[in-house]
């Protein structure tokens, strides 16, 4: 179900598998938009609020054993708080909200990856967001082996405990990538696939091009 356009700002989400580079590029786009005079908020899921960040620590810590059902409930709890406390207020203030992962991640990871019912997950997303949908979603696509190698190296350098998904079988990550591409094929108007291979500068040029195309077709 599509939301009613209640917000006055712009909501853009960044999606992709592990190590796809979206977390790096989100800040480059934020700087680019701020230089053009935009008021930008950068946030992430799970996270973005004090409560959601605490839930993130639980969800991503590889030491925690969490069932698939517990996982989705925790994600949606974090999302509800995030939407109500940060995203919607920022949109009402006319800001551009750039969010690292949102509802498509749930469908890709818990749906296509974990095997939960897509209809069930869509209902959970609807309840958690109150119908809020991104105006634009940038999907960063990269071969699974390349992305996982990047992500595992980053976690090692940062000495981070957030490795629960990186530790899952390779087949899971292939299912997630396939799921993302399936979602993009179903919603070509909203979801733009970005080739995440190559240098950071080359990837950002692709983002700029997609942004310019989106801006031209967006109603004034």
Foldseek 3Di string as FASTA:
>chain_A
DADDPPFQAAEEEEAEFAQLCSVVLLVVVVVVVVVVVAAEDEEEPQPQDPQSVVLLCQQQQQVHDDDLVRNLVSRLVSLLCNQVPPVRVCRNVHHYYYYYDALLLCCLQSPQQVPDDSVVSVVSSCVSNVNDDHQAYEYRDDPLVVNLVNRVVVCVVVVHSRCNVSPDDSVSRVSSRVSSVVVCVVCVNHYDYFHSDDDPVVSSVSVVVVVVVSVVPDDD
